[in-house]
């Protein structure tokens, strides 16, 4: 099949939002200002684990300029990103589970007044023993040590065990077996833009929330559930995101509290988190303890792999169900593994909750696997690059655990990197104290399953042609800095044979744009991009008929 000659895609074009961002004209959530706007702040727990005995906001309410105070009793409905683990509260009702867990929110005429009012709220705690390590979580059995009570096994949120192929035979057929224990320390998100939400409750009893979010559709669901408001009366607009990386993929307390306070005060409310607060809620990368076992032939060919992970999930579930699977399931998409066994456990600890961060669930196990491959190469006297190249997963293949790899440029990437890095000239030939290393990783793009399982499309695009010949593209995904708005404009321009400058991209407004499941898992180009191409394919015949 002859490849289509492209006139837009692949050309060195300027991102469609580049000028606004370079000129400082992009309007982020914290730049929004509405008439009669007031400000809110969250009071956070100083304890990692404690029962909330009582909260007395009376002194704060007496302060001039304070318009409202809410606690967990005002907004008790639980929420979460995953439908089966809705264990978060916008404000803690009876227990706090990490330092920074919010317990109250204040709305005031100015941000400084709201901050001062926090100090007038009297909160009494019954301090409990904190669980701070994976080992402590696995060993805890006392009822007072349980961080949550809904889960079946003490502080274990989820345990999985999966086997594909005959692992026992694979190890028996191996000439060498390598085993090791590894630990990957967790780390935090640090986007330039801090978290912010603005909420307005209109005279028509309709709620509008502007937020720096990667998942406006899921935030829309959480607002309806927690506030008890019909989804049709809620509008979520995702503002330009100043860096996402996965950390803005959950619905968050500040978004829900801003909405609740706006409903109470009938005034627009803004909550902007400080950098310290952003670290509390960031949903950073999980700390993971890992056990890896790999069996190989004398030529380095992998025969079997066994892998165990123990994830420190922090105080709440977040995307934990997916993360514990990702740490195991995606280890077969880089190298050919004919037999594979995976066991994973995610535990609760009294630390800020962890969630998705670039390469969700995979950097930690890749760290362990790649170190073990280096050990194998060293033991067998092989070149580490050659060891990897000989068993890379091929395009149009199926992994042992049923993951379909349709395309991959990993081999070309590895060969190019080795060449450009002058691997053969430098490996084991550099002066003492200097070295060069090599590792590979891959990821399946697209997030094949929706969080809420249904038969609806994962992404949708609507295209509107105006009388002057301009084209407007409506989609529910949000550009988080990766350039997805530009990709959509280029794809539509390519299909219609027009200049990308003649295309307007309108995104992530639940009143105006089709549903999209969010900007995460490298899914927007694959899913929203294809939706745009399909929409063009349906519109072109209509244009030709009307011409």
Protein backbone atom coordinates (compact mmCIF):
# COMPACT_ATOMS: atom_id res chain seq x y z
CA UNK A 1 0.00 0.00 0.00
CA UNK A 2 1.45 3.32 -1.09
CA UNK A 3 1.95 5.81 1.72
CA UNK A 4 -0.03 9.03 1.50
CA UNK A 5 2.15 12.06 0.87
CA UNK A 6 1.72 14.40 3.82
CA UNK A 7 1.79 18.18 3.56
CA UNK A 8 1.28 19.13 7.23
CA UNK A 9 2.09 16.19 9.50
CA UNK A 10 5.81 15.80 10.07
CA UNK A 11 6.66 19.36 9.10
CA UNK A 12 8.41 21.75 11.54
CA UNK A 13 5.34 23.77 12.48
CA UNK A 14 4.83 26.11 15.41
CA UNK A 15 2.48 24.91 18.17
CA UNK A 16 -0.82 26.72 17.88
CA UNK A 17 -0.63 28.03 21.46
CA UNK A 18 3.06 28.92 21.41
CA UNK A 19 2.71 32.66 20.87
CA UNK A 20 0.20 33.12 23.69
CA UNK A 21 2.34 31.16 26.12
CA UNK A 22 5.56 32.95 25.15
CA UNK A 23 3.83 36.32 25.47
CA UNK A 24 2.37 35.45 28.88
CA UNK A 25 -1.18 35.78 27.53
CA UNK A 26 -2.41 32.25 28.24
CA UNK A 27 -5.15 32.37 30.88
CA UNK A 28 -4.53 29.70 33.52
CA UNK A 29 -6.95 28.90 36.34
CA UNK A 30 -5.29 31.26 38.82
CA UNK A 31 -5.49 34.10 36.27
CA UNK A 32 -9.31 33.95 36.28
CA UNK A 33 -11.12 36.81 37.98
CA UNK A 34 -14.90 37.00 38.25
CA UNK A 35 -17.13 39.73 39.70
CA UNK A 36 -17.56 39.40 43.49
CA UNK A 37 -14.80 36.75 43.62
CA UNK A 38 -13.85 35.48 47.09
CA UNK A 39 -11.03 33.18 48.19
CA UNK A 40 -10.81 29.96 50.14
CA UNK A 41 -8.12 28.07 52.02
CA UNK A 42 -7.98 24.56 53.42
CA UNK A 43 -7.05 23.65 57.00
CA UNK A 44 -4.85 20.56 56.94
CA UNK A 45 -4.01 17.94 59.53
CA UNK A 46 -0.63 18.17 61.31
CA UNK A 47 -0.85 14.44 62.14
CA UNK A 48 -0.27 11.48 59.83
CA UNK A 49 -2.91 9.32 61.54
CA UNK A 50 -5.58 10.52 63.94
CA UNK A 51 -9.28 10.50 64.67
CA UNK A 52 -11.03 13.85 64.41
CA UNK A 53 -12.70 14.25 67.81
CA UNK A 54 -14.27 17.65 67.22
CA UNK A 55 -14.08 20.77 65.07
CA UNK A 56 -15.24 24.17 66.33
CA UNK A 57 -15.26 26.90 63.64
CA UNK A 58 -17.15 29.50 65.71
CA UNK A 59 -14.18 31.86 66.26
CA UNK A 60 -13.35 31.84 62.56
CA UNK A 61 -16.95 32.62 61.63
CA UNK A 62 -16.91 35.67 63.91
CA UNK A 63 -13.93 37.13 62.06
CA UNK A 64 -14.80 40.09 59.83
CA UNK A 65 -14.53 39.18 56.16
CA UNK A 66 -15.12 35.46 56.69
CA UNK A 67 -18.15 34.33 54.69
CA UNK A 68 -18.32 30.57 55.28
CA UNK A 69 -16.59 27.63 56.96
CA UNK A 70 -17.26 24.02 56.03
CA UNK A 71 -16.12 20.74 57.56
CA UNK A 72 -16.45 17.10 56.63
CA UNK A 73 -19.97 17.02 58.04
CA UNK A 74 -21.04 19.48 55.33
CA UNK A 75 -19.62 17.44 52.46
CA UNK A 76 -19.36 13.81 53.66
CA UNK A 77 -19.96 11.86 50.43
CA UNK A 78 -16.96 9.73 49.50
CA UNK A 79 -15.34 9.96 46.08
CA UNK A 80 -12.35 8.73 44.12
CA UNK A 81 -11.17 8.27 40.57
CA UNK A 82 -11.87 4.51 40.50
CA UNK A 83 -15.51 3.44 40.96
CA UNK A 84 -14.62 0.43 43.14
CA UNK A 85 -12.39 2.33 45.61
CA UNK A 86 -14.22 5.53 46.51
CA UNK A 87 -12.46 6.12 49.82
CA UNK A 88 -11.69 9.86 49.85
CA UNK A 89 -13.58 12.70 51.47
CA UNK A 90 -13.35 16.32 50.39
CA UNK A 91 -12.81 17.12 54.09
CA UNK A 92 -12.03 14.41 56.63
CA UNK A 93 -15.15 13.33 58.50
CA UNK A 94 -13.79 11.16 61.30
CA UNK A 95 -10.15 10.36 60.54
CA UNK A 96 -7.09 11.93 58.89
CA UNK A 97 -4.69 9.64 57.07
CA UNK A 98 -1.64 11.77 56.23
CA UNK A 99 -0.04 15.08 57.17
CA UNK A 100 -1.90 17.54 54.98
CA UNK A 101 -5.24 15.72 54.87
CA UNK A 102 -7.81 18.58 54.78
CA UNK A 103 -10.31 18.91 57.64
CA UNK A 104 -11.97 22.31 57.04
CA UNK A 105 -12.26 25.06 54.43
CA UNK A 106 -12.74 28.80 54.89
CA UNK A 107 -14.09 31.31 52.36
CA UNK A 108 -13.25 34.97 52.94
CA UNK A 109 -13.04 38.30 51.15
CA UNK A 110 -9.29 37.93 50.61
CA UNK A 111 -6.81 35.07 50.55
CA UNK A 112 -4.91 36.47 53.54
CA UNK A 113 -8.10 36.72 55.61
CA UNK A 114 -8.95 33.10 54.76
CA UNK A 115 -5.44 32.06 55.81
CA UNK A 116 -5.74 33.90 59.15
CA UNK A 117 -9.16 32.38 59.80
CA UNK A 118 -7.70 28.87 59.56
CA UNK A 119 -5.80 29.57 62.79
CA UNK A 120 -9.07 30.27 64.61
CA UNK A 121 -10.60 26.86 63.87
CA UNK A 122 -10.27 24.56 66.90
CA UNK A 123 -9.68 20.94 65.89
CA UNK A 124 -9.23 18.21 68.50
CA UNK A 125 -7.49 15.01 67.46
CA UNK A 126 -7.00 11.57 69.01
CA UNK A 127 -3.56 10.71 67.66
CA UNK A 128 -3.11 7.14 66.38
CA UNK A 129 -0.01 5.11 65.61
CA UNK A 130 1.14 5.97 62.07
CA UNK A 131 2.00 3.31 59.50
CA UNK A 132 4.95 4.70 57.55
CA UNK A 133 6.61 1.83 55.69
CA UNK A 134 5.61 -1.06 53.46
CA UNK A 135 6.87 -3.48 56.11
CA UNK A 136 4.78 -1.82 58.83
CA UNK A 137 1.69 -1.95 56.65
CA UNK A 138 2.13 -5.66 55.91
CA UNK A 139 2.72 -6.45 59.59
CA UNK A 140 -0.11 -4.34 61.06
CA UNK A 141 -3.04 -6.33 62.43
CA UNK A 142 -4.50 -4.26 65.29
CA UNK A 143 -7.81 -2.54 64.56
CA UNK A 144 -6.36 0.81 65.69
CA UNK A 145 -3.62 0.48 63.07
CA UNK A 146 -6.04 0.09 60.17
CA UNK A 147 -5.97 3.13 57.91
CA UNK A 148 -9.23 2.12 56.20
CA UNK A 149 -11.88 -0.37 57.25
CA UNK A 150 -13.50 -1.15 53.90
CA UNK A 151 -10.60 -3.28 52.65
CA UNK A 152 -10.55 -6.96 53.56
CA UNK A 153 -6.95 -7.47 54.67
CA UNK A 154 -5.70 -4.90 57.23
CA UNK A 155 -3.67 -2.28 55.33
CA UNK A 156 -3.48 -4.14 52.02
CA UNK A 157 -5.52 -2.31 49.41
CA UNK A 158 -5.06 -4.81 46.59
CA UNK A 159 -3.16 -8.05 46.00
CA UNK A 160 -2.89 -9.70 42.59
CA UNK A 161 -1.24 -12.88 41.34
CA UNK A 162 -1.03 -13.72 37.64
CA UNK A 163 0.88 -16.36 35.67
CA UNK A 164 1.29 -16.71 31.91
CA UNK A 165 3.02 -19.65 30.29
CA UNK A 166 4.78 -22.37 32.26
CA UNK A 167 7.13 -20.45 34.55
CA UNK A 168 8.32 -23.53 36.43
CA UNK A 169 9.40 -25.24 33.20
CA UNK A 170 10.98 -22.01 31.98
CA UNK A 171 13.25 -21.84 35.01
CA UNK A 172 14.00 -25.57 34.72
CA UNK A 173 15.14 -25.05 31.11
CA UNK A 174 17.34 -22.09 32.04
CA UNK A 175 21.13 -22.41 32.23
CA UNK A 176 21.40 -19.52 34.69
CA UNK A 177 18.96 -17.98 37.20
CA UNK A 178 19.40 -14.51 38.62
CA UNK A 179 17.55 -13.14 41.65
CA UNK A 180 17.58 -9.77 43.37
CA UNK A 181 15.71 -7.40 45.70
CA UNK A 182 15.41 -3.77 44.69
CA UNK A 183 13.84 -0.61 46.10
CA UNK A 184 12.70 2.43 44.14
CA UNK A 185 12.17 5.57 46.20
CA UNK A 186 9.02 7.53 45.42
CA UNK A 187 9.15 11.07 44.06
CA UNK A 188 6.81 13.98 43.56
CA UNK A 189 5.32 15.96 40.73
CA UNK A 190 6.58 19.50 40.28
CA UNK A 191 4.62 21.23 37.51
CA UNK A 192 5.29 24.94 37.14
CA UNK A 193 1.61 25.64 37.68
CA UNK A 194 0.22 24.86 41.10
CA UNK A 195 -3.24 23.40 41.58
CA UNK A 196 -6.15 25.83 41.29
CA UNK A 197 -9.92 25.75 40.93
CA UNK A 198 -12.55 28.47 40.55
CA UNK A 199 -16.24 27.75 41.08
CA UNK A 200 -19.33 29.85 40.42
CA UNK A 201 -22.96 29.06 41.31
CA UNK A 202 -25.32 31.09 39.14
CA UNK A 203 -28.81 32.46 39.74
CA UNK A 204 -30.09 29.60 37.57
CA UNK A 205 -28.75 27.15 40.17
CA UNK A 206 -26.13 25.88 37.78
CA UNK A 207 -22.57 25.25 38.90
CA UNK A 208 -19.51 26.05 36.77
CA UNK A 209 -16.05 24.89 37.80
CA UNK A 210 -12.84 25.95 36.08
CA UNK A 211 -9.89 23.80 37.06
CA UNK A 212 -6.36 22.87 36.09
CA UNK A 213 -7.30 19.23 35.50
CA UNK A 214 -6.31 16.46 33.12
CA UNK A 215 -9.70 14.72 33.47
CA UNK A 216 -12.64 17.15 33.26
CA UNK A 217 -15.11 14.32 32.57
CA UNK A 218 -14.19 12.46 35.74
CA UNK A 219 -14.17 15.69 37.78
CA UNK A 220 -17.70 16.31 36.45
CA UNK A 221 -18.76 12.90 37.78
CA UNK A 222 -17.17 13.51 41.20
CA UNK A 223 -18.84 16.92 41.60
CA UNK A 224 -22.27 15.45 40.84
CA UNK A 225 -21.76 12.59 43.29
CA UNK A 226 -20.31 14.55 46.20
CA UNK A 227 -22.55 17.61 45.91
CA UNK A 228 -25.72 15.68 45.11
CA UNK A 229 -26.33 17.83 42.04
CA UNK A 230 -27.65 16.57 38.69
CA UNK A 231 -24.80 16.29 36.15
CA UNK A 232 -26.87 18.40 33.74
CA UNK A 233 -26.58 21.32 36.16
CA UNK A 234 -22.78 21.16 36.38
CA UNK A 235 -20.33 22.54 33.86
CA UNK A 236 -16.61 21.78 34.08
CA UNK A 237 -14.11 23.75 32.02
CA UNK A 238 -10.51 22.59 32.04
CA UNK A 239 -8.24 25.61 31.87
CA UNK A 240 -4.84 25.41 30.15
CA UNK A 241 -2.70 23.10 32.27
CA UNK A 242 0.77 24.31 33.18
CA UNK A 243 2.19 20.81 33.40
CA UNK A 244 0.25 17.66 34.21
CA UNK A 245 2.39 14.48 34.08
CA UNK A 246 -0.44 12.49 35.70
CA UNK A 247 -0.58 14.50 38.92
CA UNK A 248 -3.77 16.32 37.90
CA UNK A 249 -5.67 13.20 36.80
CA UNK A 250 -7.72 12.73 40.01
CA UNK A 251 -10.64 14.80 41.28
CA UNK A 252 -9.33 16.76 44.27
CA UNK A 253 -10.59 18.20 47.54
CA UNK A 254 -9.93 21.81 46.58
CA UNK A 255 -12.15 21.47 43.49
CA UNK A 256 -15.02 20.03 45.53
CA UNK A 257 -14.62 22.55 48.36
CA UNK A 258 -14.54 25.51 45.97
CA UNK A 259 -17.80 24.26 44.46
CA UNK A 260 -19.47 23.69 47.83
CA UNK A 261 -18.45 27.13 49.12
CA UNK A 262 -19.70 28.77 45.94
CA UNK A 263 -23.08 27.09 46.43
CA UNK A 264 -23.24 28.26 50.06
CA UNK A 265 -22.08 31.86 49.53
CA UNK A 266 -23.59 32.35 46.06
CA UNK A 267 -20.31 34.00 45.09
CA UNK A 268 -17.45 32.78 42.88
CA UNK A 269 -14.75 31.06 44.93
CA UNK A 270 -11.10 30.52 44.06
CA UNK A 271 -8.74 28.07 45.76
CA UNK A 272 -5.08 28.12 44.74
CA UNK A 273 -2.83 25.67 46.54
CA UNK A 274 0.62 26.66 47.72
CA UNK A 275 3.65 24.71 46.55
CA UNK A 276 3.71 22.90 49.90
CA UNK A 277 0.04 21.95 49.55
CA UNK A 278 0.69 20.76 46.01
CA UNK A 279 3.23 18.30 47.40
CA UNK A 280 0.58 16.95 49.78
CA UNK A 281 -1.93 16.25 47.02
CA UNK A 282 0.44 15.58 44.12
CA UNK A 283 -0.26 11.81 43.69
CA UNK A 284 3.42 11.20 43.00
CA UNK A 285 5.24 8.07 41.98
CA UNK A 286 4.87 5.08 44.30
CA UNK A 287 7.82 3.87 46.36
CA UNK A 288 8.14 0.19 45.40
CA UNK A 289 9.99 -2.76 46.89
CA UNK A 290 10.66 -5.41 44.25
CA UNK A 291 11.85 -8.99 43.90
CA UNK A 292 12.99 -10.07 40.43
CA UNK A 293 13.96 -13.52 39.20
CA UNK A 294 15.05 -14.18 35.62
CA UNK A 295 16.08 -17.43 33.96
CA UNK A 296 18.23 -17.30 30.82
CA UNK A 297 20.09 -19.59 28.44
CA UNK A 298 23.86 -19.34 28.15
CA UNK A 299 23.43 -17.00 25.18
CA UNK A 300 21.30 -14.65 27.32
CA UNK A 301 17.88 -15.57 25.87
CA UNK A 302 15.19 -15.05 28.52
CA UNK A 303 13.28 -18.26 29.36
CA UNK A 304 11.16 -17.12 32.29
CA UNK A 305 10.65 -14.21 34.64
CA UNK A 306 9.08 -13.94 38.09
CA UNK A 307 8.39 -10.56 39.56
CA UNK A 308 6.94 -9.34 42.88
CA UNK A 309 6.11 -5.76 43.79
CA UNK A 310 5.09 -4.09 47.03
CA UNK A 311 3.74 -0.59 46.46
CA UNK A 312 3.52 2.13 49.11
CA UNK A 313 0.24 3.77 48.13
CA UNK A 314 -0.04 6.38 50.85
CA UNK A 315 -3.33 7.24 52.55
CA UNK A 316 -5.88 6.68 49.76
CA UNK A 317 -6.55 4.48 46.73
CA UNK A 318 -6.34 6.95 43.82
CA UNK A 319 -5.41 4.94 40.71
CA UNK A 320 -3.86 2.21 42.87
CA UNK A 321 -5.86 -0.65 41.36
CA UNK A 322 -4.40 0.17 37.96
CA UNK A 323 -0.92 0.92 39.27
CA UNK A 324 -0.45 -2.44 40.93
CA UNK A 325 -1.33 -4.17 37.64
CA UNK A 326 0.85 -1.83 35.57
CA UNK A 327 3.94 -2.62 37.64
CA UNK A 328 3.63 -6.20 36.43
CA UNK A 329 1.63 -6.29 33.21
CA UNK A 330 3.83 -3.94 31.21
CA UNK A 331 7.12 -5.73 31.90
CA UNK A 332 6.51 -7.99 28.92
CA UNK A 333 6.25 -5.25 26.28
CA UNK A 334 9.97 -4.46 26.08
CA UNK A 335 11.60 -7.89 25.88
CA UNK A 336 10.23 -11.25 24.76
CA UNK A 337 9.34 -13.21 27.90
CA UNK A 338 7.88 -16.66 27.06
CA UNK A 339 6.79 -17.43 30.63
CA UNK A 340 5.93 -14.83 33.26
CA UNK A 341 4.60 -14.76 36.82
CA UNK A 342 3.65 -11.60 38.62
CA UNK A 343 2.55 -10.92 42.19
CA UNK A 344 1.69 -7.41 43.31
CA UNK A 345 0.56 -5.84 46.57
CA UNK A 346 -0.42 -2.20 47.17
CA UNK A 347 -0.54 -1.14 50.81
CA UNK A 348 -1.91 1.89 52.62
CA UNK A 349 0.48 4.01 54.68
CA UNK A 350 0.01 7.32 56.49
CA UNK A 351 1.69 9.38 53.80
CA UNK A 352 0.33 11.51 50.93
CA UNK A 353 -1.49 9.30 48.43
CA UNK A 354 0.41 8.14 45.36
CA UNK A 355 -0.97 7.85 41.86
CA UNK A 356 -0.01 8.10 38.19
CA UNK A 357 3.19 9.81 37.12
CA UNK A 358 4.79 9.67 33.67
CA UNK A 359 5.03 6.06 32.57
CA UNK A 360 2.45 5.10 35.19
CA UNK A 361 3.67 2.05 37.11
CA UNK A 362 6.61 1.19 34.86
CA UNK A 363 9.78 3.16 35.79
CA UNK A 364 10.06 1.34 39.13
CA UNK A 365 10.06 -2.22 37.74
CA UNK A 366 12.13 -1.19 34.71
CA UNK A 367 14.79 -0.03 37.17
CA UNK A 368 14.89 -3.53 38.70
CA UNK A 369 14.71 -5.44 35.42
CA UNK A 370 17.37 -3.34 33.69
CA UNK A 371 19.81 -3.71 36.59
CA UNK A 372 19.25 -7.45 36.53
CA UNK A 373 19.90 -7.54 32.78
CA UNK A 374 23.20 -5.77 33.38
CA UNK A 375 24.06 -8.41 35.97
CA UNK A 376 23.20 -11.12 33.44
CA UNK A 377 25.37 -9.51 30.77
CA UNK A 378 28.25 -9.20 33.23
CA UNK A 379 27.97 -12.85 34.32
CA UNK A 380 27.72 -14.18 30.75
CA UNK A 381 30.42 -11.87 29.38
CA UNK A 382 27.99 -10.27 26.92
CA UNK A 383 27.63 -6.74 25.66
CA UNK A 384 24.62 -5.24 27.53
CA UNK A 385 23.28 -3.62 24.35
CA UNK A 386 23.52 -6.84 22.35
CA UNK A 387 21.80 -8.74 25.16
CA UNK A 388 18.86 -6.37 24.92
CA UNK A 389 18.70 -6.10 21.12
CA UNK A 390 18.49 -9.86 20.62
CA UNK A 391 15.19 -10.12 22.54
CA UNK A 392 13.30 -6.88 21.95
CA UNK A 393 9.58 -7.30 21.33
CA UNK A 394 8.81 -7.11 17.61
CA UNK A 395 6.07 -5.11 15.85
CA UNK A 396 2.76 -6.89 15.23
CA UNK A 397 3.28 -9.36 18.03
CA UNK A 398 1.38 -10.59 21.06
CA UNK A 399 3.03 -10.73 24.49
CA UNK A 400 2.70 -13.78 26.72
CA UNK A 401 0.09 -11.91 28.79
CA UNK A 402 -2.01 -10.98 25.78
CA UNK A 403 -0.91 -7.41 25.09
CA UNK A 404 -0.95 -6.59 21.38
CA UNK A 405 2.06 -4.64 20.09
CA UNK A 406 1.08 -3.21 16.70
CA UNK A 407 4.01 -0.85 16.19
CA UNK A 408 7.24 -0.15 18.01
CA UNK A 409 10.33 1.84 17.14
CA UNK A 410 12.29 0.51 20.09
CA UNK A 411 14.88 -1.40 18.06
CA UNK A 412 15.66 1.59 15.87
CA UNK A 413 15.75 3.79 18.97
CA UNK A 414 18.20 1.53 20.80
CA UNK A 415 20.46 1.18 17.77
CA UNK A 416 20.46 4.93 17.17
CA UNK A 417 21.22 5.72 20.83
CA UNK A 418 24.06 3.18 20.95
CA UNK A 419 25.53 4.65 17.78
CA UNK A 420 25.19 8.30 18.80
CA UNK A 421 26.52 7.59 22.30
CA UNK A 422 29.52 5.79 20.77
CA UNK A 423 28.76 2.78 22.92
CA UNK A 424 31.31 0.36 21.44
CA UNK A 425 34.10 2.93 21.77
CA UNK A 426 33.29 3.82 25.39
CA UNK A 427 31.92 0.68 27.09
CA UNK A 428 34.53 -0.62 29.58
CA UNK A 429 37.13 1.64 27.97
CA UNK A 430 36.67 4.90 29.86
CA UNK A 431 39.04 6.13 32.60
CA UNK A 432 38.57 4.91 36.17
CA UNK A 433 35.55 6.55 37.77
CA UNK A 434 33.80 7.12 34.44
CA UNK A 435 31.25 4.86 32.82
CA UNK A 436 28.41 4.53 30.37
CA UNK A 437 25.20 2.60 30.87
CA UNK A 438 22.31 1.48 28.73
CA UNK A 439 18.67 0.68 29.51
CA UNK A 440 15.47 0.37 27.49
CA UNK A 441 11.81 0.73 28.26
CA UNK A 442 8.52 0.86 26.41
CA UNK A 443 4.89 1.56 27.17
CA UNK A 444 1.58 0.68 25.58
CA UNK A 445 -0.23 3.89 24.65
CA UNK A 446 -3.93 4.45 24.71
CA UNK A 447 -5.43 3.30 28.04
CA UNK A 448 -7.51 0.58 26.41
CA UNK A 449 -10.21 0.44 29.10
CA UNK A 450 -12.33 3.30 30.47
CA UNK A 451 -12.44 3.82 34.22
CA UNK A 452 -16.24 3.52 34.12
CA UNK A 453 -16.95 0.55 31.88
CA UNK A 454 -19.61 1.22 29.25
CA UNK A 455 -20.09 1.06 25.50
CA UNK A 456 -19.64 4.78 24.93
CA UNK A 457 -16.71 6.12 22.84
CA UNK A 458 -13.51 6.86 24.74
CA UNK A 459 -13.00 10.04 22.72
CA UNK A 460 -15.17 12.19 20.49
CA UNK A 461 -14.53 15.07 18.12
CA UNK A 462 -17.01 17.42 16.46
CA UNK A 463 -15.97 19.56 13.51
CA UNK A 464 -17.81 22.72 12.51
CA UNK A 465 -17.27 24.62 9.27
CA UNK A 466 -18.23 28.30 9.34
CA UNK A 467 -19.34 30.53 6.47
CA UNK A 468 -15.92 32.09 6.02
CA UNK A 469 -14.24 28.74 5.53
CA UNK A 470 -12.77 28.47 9.00
CA UNK A 471 -12.87 25.17 10.83
CA UNK A 472 -13.60 24.69 14.53
CA UNK A 473 -12.62 21.45 16.23
CA UNK A 474 -14.44 20.56 19.47
CA UNK A 475 -12.93 17.86 21.68
CA UNK A 476 -13.05 16.92 25.34
CA UNK A 477 -9.34 16.38 25.90
CA UNK A 478 -7.10 19.09 27.35
CA UNK A 479 -3.60 20.06 26.27
CA UNK A 480 -1.36 19.56 29.33
CA UNK A 481 1.75 20.85 27.59
CA UNK A 482 2.32 17.87 25.32
CA UNK A 483 0.93 19.71 22.27
CA UNK A 484 -2.27 17.73 21.73
CA UNK A 485 -4.24 20.79 20.56
CA UNK A 486 -1.64 21.31 17.85
CA UNK A 487 -1.74 17.63 16.85
CA UNK A 488 -5.52 17.85 16.37
CA UNK A 489 -5.18 21.03 14.29
CA UNK A 490 -2.47 19.43 12.14
CA UNK A 491 -4.51 16.25 11.61
CA UNK A 492 -7.60 18.18 10.54
CA UNK A 493 -5.54 20.50 8.35
CA UNK A 494 -3.97 17.47 6.68
CA UNK A 495 -7.36 15.90 5.99
CA UNK A 496 -8.89 19.08 4.56
CA UNK A 497 -5.77 20.42 2.82
CA UNK A 498 -5.87 23.75 4.64
CA UNK A 499 -3.52 25.82 6.78
CA UNK A 500 -3.50 24.87 10.52
CA UNK A 501 -3.78 28.60 11.23
CA UNK A 502 -7.35 28.46 9.86
CA UNK A 503 -8.38 25.94 12.52
CA UNK A 504 -9.66 26.76 15.99
CA UNK A 505 -9.42 24.03 18.63
CA UNK A 506 -11.94 24.28 21.49
CA UNK A 507 -11.37 21.80 24.26
CA UNK A 508 -12.53 20.32 27.56
CA UNK A 509 -15.81 22.06 28.29
CA UNK A 510 -18.50 19.61 29.41
CA UNK A 511 -21.27 21.88 28.09
CA UNK A 512 -19.76 22.29 24.62
CA UNK A 513 -17.43 19.42 23.78
CA UNK A 514 -17.89 15.66 23.44
CA UNK A 515 -16.89 13.37 26.29
CA UNK A 516 -13.24 12.44 26.45
CA UNK A 517 -11.76 10.28 29.19
CA UNK A 518 -8.78 12.52 29.82
CA UNK A 519 -5.22 13.44 28.97
CA UNK A 520 -3.21 10.57 30.41
CA UNK A 521 -1.51 7.30 29.37
CA UNK A 522 -0.30 8.87 26.10
CA UNK A 523 -3.83 8.36 24.78
CA UNK A 524 -4.81 11.71 23.24
CA UNK A 525 -2.95 11.47 19.92
CA UNK A 526 -4.03 7.85 19.47
CA UNK A 527 -7.67 8.19 20.47
CA UNK A 528 -8.71 11.83 20.06
CA UNK A 529 -6.47 12.14 17.00
CA UNK A 530 -8.16 9.18 15.32
CA UNK A 531 -11.57 10.55 16.28
CA UNK A 532 -10.63 13.79 14.51
CA UNK A 533 -9.54 11.93 11.37
CA UNK A 534 -12.78 9.92 11.38
CA UNK A 535 -14.85 13.10 11.81
CA UNK A 536 -13.08 14.63 8.81
CA UNK A 537 -13.85 11.51 6.82
CA UNK A 538 -17.55 11.89 7.55
CA UNK A 539 -17.64 15.63 6.85
CA UNK A 540 -15.79 15.63 3.52
CA UNK A 541 -18.52 13.79 1.54
CA UNK A 542 -21.12 16.23 2.90
CA UNK A 543 -19.00 19.16 1.69
CA UNK A 544 -18.55 17.60 -1.74
CA UNK A 545 -22.30 16.97 -2.03
CA UNK A 546 -23.02 20.59 -1.12
CA UNK A 547 -20.36 22.01 -3.46
